[in-house]
């Protein structure tokens, strides 16, 4: 439960941070951050997938977004929230019938 809360807070902080234009510019130039956001396997929890999707959706509307990045974001958004990944569920619950 603690890890989930930490991730939720991290995504909230990221959303608020990206609302600041000068930080947004730095973030868009940070290839590791962009890779993290685009890689669904790095946080395949339902909350993580949803949060990343909404962040990418918000970033994709930036008028000055470079064309190559806009294209990558559009592919991500076109794949939907889950893309090729299914959210991680409680594996233990699958075995308790």
C-alpha atoms as a PDB file:
ATOM      1  CA  UNK A   1       0.000   0.000   0.000  1.00  0.00           C
ATOM      2  CA  UNK A   2       2.908   2.345   0.770  1.00  0.00           C
ATOM      3  CA  UNK A   3       4.461   1.840  -2.666  1.00  0.00           C
ATOM      4  CA  UNK A   4       1.152   2.578  -4.349  1.00  0.00           C
ATOM      5  CA  UNK A   5       0.734   5.803  -2.382  1.00  0.00           C
ATOM      6  CA  UNK A   6       4.314   6.829  -3.199  1.00  0.00           C
ATOM      7  CA  UNK A   7       3.702   6.294  -6.919  1.00  0.00           C
ATOM      8  CA  UNK A   8       0.429   8.223  -6.820  1.00  0.00           C
ATOM      9  CA  UNK A   9       2.143  11.149  -5.091  1.00  0.00           C
ATOM     10  CA  UNK A  10       5.024  10.998  -7.584  1.00  0.00           C
ATOM     11  CA  UNK A  11       2.632  11.214 -10.536  1.00  0.00           C
ATOM     12  CA  UNK A  12       0.749  14.102  -8.867  1.00  0.00           C
ATOM     13  CA  UNK A  13       4.027  15.968  -8.335  1.00  0.00           C
ATOM     14  CA  UNK A  14       5.002  15.316 -11.938  1.00  0.00           C
ATOM     15  CA  UNK A  15       1.662  16.663 -13.221  1.00  0.00           C
ATOM     16  CA  UNK A  16       1.986  19.841 -11.136  1.00  0.00           C
ATOM     17  CA  UNK A  17       5.633  20.264 -12.113  1.00  0.00           C
ATOM     18  CA  UNK A  18       4.885  19.974 -15.814  1.00  0.00           C
ATOM     19  CA  UNK A  19       2.349  22.788 -15.484  1.00  0.00           C
ATOM     20  CA  UNK A  20       5.295  25.186 -15.012  1.00  0.00           C
ATOM     21  CA  UNK A  21       6.548  26.225 -18.443  1.00  0.00           C
ATOM     22  CA  UNK A  22      10.239  26.415 -17.558  1.00  0.00           C
ATOM     23  CA  UNK A  23      10.165  22.966 -15.952  1.00  0.00           C
ATOM     24  CA  UNK A  24       8.149  21.597 -18.845  1.00  0.00           C
ATOM     25  CA  UNK A  25      10.879  22.665 -21.268  1.00  0.00           C
ATOM     26  CA  UNK A  26      13.499  20.892 -19.167  1.00  0.00           C
ATOM     27  CA  UNK A  27      11.316  17.797 -18.849  1.00  0.00           C
ATOM     28  CA  UNK A  28      10.738  17.535 -22.595  1.00  0.00           C
ATOM     29  CA  UNK A  29      14.503  17.640 -23.107  1.00  0.00           C
ATOM     30  CA  UNK A  30      15.062  14.860 -20.568  1.00  0.00           C
ATOM     31  CA  UNK A  31      15.162  11.661 -22.605  1.00  0.00           C
ATOM     32  CA  UNK A  32      15.098   9.467 -19.484  1.00  0.00           C
ATOM     33  CA  UNK A  33      11.868  11.058 -18.258  1.00  0.00           C
ATOM     34  CA  UNK A  34      10.239  10.719 -21.669  1.00  0.00           C
ATOM     35  CA  UNK A  35      11.389   7.082 -21.861  1.00  0.00           C
ATOM     36  CA  UNK A  36       9.939   6.429 -18.403  1.00  0.00           C
ATOM     37  CA  UNK A  37       6.590   7.914 -19.365  1.00  0.00           C
ATOM     38  CA  UNK A  38       6.412   5.987 -22.641  1.00  0.00           C
ATOM     39  CA  UNK A  39       7.486   2.648 -21.152  1.00  0.00           C
ATOM     40  CA  UNK A  40       4.346   1.010 -19.790  1.00  0.00           C
ATOM     41  CA  UNK A  41       6.342  -1.896 -18.370  1.00  0.00           C
ATOM     42  CA  UNK A  42       8.077   0.339 -15.814  1.00  0.00           C
ATOM     43  CA  UNK A  43       4.836   0.733 -13.875  1.00  0.00           C
ATOM     44  CA  UNK A  44       2.120  -1.605 -15.112  1.00  0.00           C
ATOM     45  CA  UNK A  45      -0.185  -0.995 -12.159  1.00  0.00           C
ATOM     46  CA  UNK A  46      -3.628   0.284 -13.167  1.00  0.00           C
ATOM     47  CA  UNK A  47      -2.924   3.613 -11.437  1.00  0.00           C
ATOM     48  CA  UNK A  48       0.481   3.944 -13.081  1.00  0.00           C
ATOM     49  CA  UNK A  49      -0.839   3.208 -16.558  1.00  0.00           C
ATOM     50  CA  UNK A  50      -3.704   5.663 -16.058  1.00  0.00           C
ATOM     51  CA  UNK A  51      -1.440   8.393 -14.681  1.00  0.00           C
ATOM     52  CA  UNK A  52       1.141   8.052 -17.446  1.00  0.00           C
ATOM     53  CA  UNK A  53      -1.596   8.088 -20.074  1.00  0.00           C
ATOM     54  CA  UNK A  54      -3.058  11.330 -18.723  1.00  0.00           C
ATOM     55  CA  UNK A  55       0.371  12.968 -18.449  1.00  0.00           C
ATOM     56  CA  UNK A  56       1.218  11.996 -22.049  1.00  0.00           C
ATOM     57  CA  UNK A  57      -2.217  13.183 -23.190  1.00  0.00           C
ATOM     58  CA  UNK A  58      -1.624  16.542 -21.537  1.00  0.00           C
ATOM     59  CA  UNK A  59       1.896  16.850 -22.968  1.00  0.00           C
ATOM     60  CA  UNK A  60       0.672  15.982 -26.466  1.00  0.00           C
ATOM     61  CA  UNK A  61      -1.402  19.179 -26.584  1.00  0.00           C
ATOM     62  CA  UNK A  62       1.591  21.499 -26.215  1.00  0.00           C
ATOM     63  CA  UNK A  63       1.707  23.635 -29.381  1.00  0.00           C
ATOM     64  CA  UNK A  64       5.520  23.829 -29.426  1.00  0.00           C
ATOM     65  CA  UNK A  65       6.029  20.093 -28.952  1.00  0.00           C
ATOM     66  CA  UNK A  66       8.650  18.810 -31.417  1.00  0.00           C
ATOM     67  CA  UNK A  67       7.089  16.785 -34.256  1.00  0.00           C
ATOM     68  CA  UNK A  68       9.009  13.581 -33.468  1.00  0.00           C
ATOM     69  CA  UNK A  69       7.888  13.665 -29.837  1.00  0.00           C
ATOM     70  CA  UNK A  70       4.304  14.478 -30.832  1.00  0.00           C
ATOM     71  CA  UNK A  71       4.359  11.471 -33.140  1.00  0.00           C
ATOM     72  CA  UNK A  72       5.616   9.179 -30.345  1.00  0.00           C
ATOM     73  CA  UNK A  73       2.974  10.531 -27.975  1.00  0.00           C
ATOM     74  CA  UNK A  74       0.227  10.026 -30.574  1.00  0.00           C
ATOM     75  CA  UNK A  75       1.247   6.386 -31.064  1.00  0.00           C
ATOM     76  CA  UNK A  76       1.188   5.904 -27.275  1.00  0.00           C
ATOM     77  CA  UNK A  77      -2.242   7.504 -26.985  1.00  0.00           C
ATOM     78  CA  UNK A  78      -3.533   5.556 -29.974  1.00  0.00           C
ATOM     79  CA  UNK A  79      -2.607   2.323 -28.192  1.00  0.00           C
ATOM     80  CA  UNK A  80      -4.875   3.309 -25.303  1.00  0.00           C
ATOM     81  CA  UNK A  81      -4.219   3.309 -21.571  1.00  0.00           C
ATOM     82  CA  UNK A  82      -2.961  -0.272 -21.430  1.00  0.00           C
ATOM     83  CA  UNK A  83      -1.302  -0.548 -24.815  1.00  0.00           C
ATOM     84  CA  UNK A  84       0.026  -4.088 -25.135  1.00  0.00           C
ATOM     85  CA  UNK A  85       0.280  -4.462 -21.375  1.00  0.00           C
ATOM     86  CA  UNK A  86      -2.370  -5.658 -19.025  1.00  0.00           C
ATOM     87  CA  UNK A  87      -2.330  -3.992 -15.619  1.00  0.00           C
ATOM     88  CA  UNK A  88      -0.696  -5.920 -12.816  1.00  0.00           C
ATOM     89  CA  UNK A  89      -3.326  -7.505 -10.626  1.00  0.00           C
ATOM     90  CA  UNK A  90      -3.012  -9.244  -7.335  1.00  0.00           C
ATOM     91  CA  UNK A  91      -1.507 -12.529  -8.495  1.00  0.00           C
ATOM     92  CA  UNK A  92      -2.244 -14.239  -5.183  1.00  0.00           C
ATOM     93  CA  UNK A  93      -5.978 -13.649  -5.607  1.00  0.00           C
ATOM     94  CA  UNK A  94      -5.908 -15.657  -8.836  1.00  0.00           C
ATOM     95  CA  UNK A  95      -4.951 -18.770  -6.888  1.00  0.00           C
ATOM     96  CA  UNK A  96      -7.491 -18.445  -4.104  1.00  0.00           C
ATOM     97  CA  UNK A  97     -10.733 -19.792  -5.418  1.00  0.00           C
END
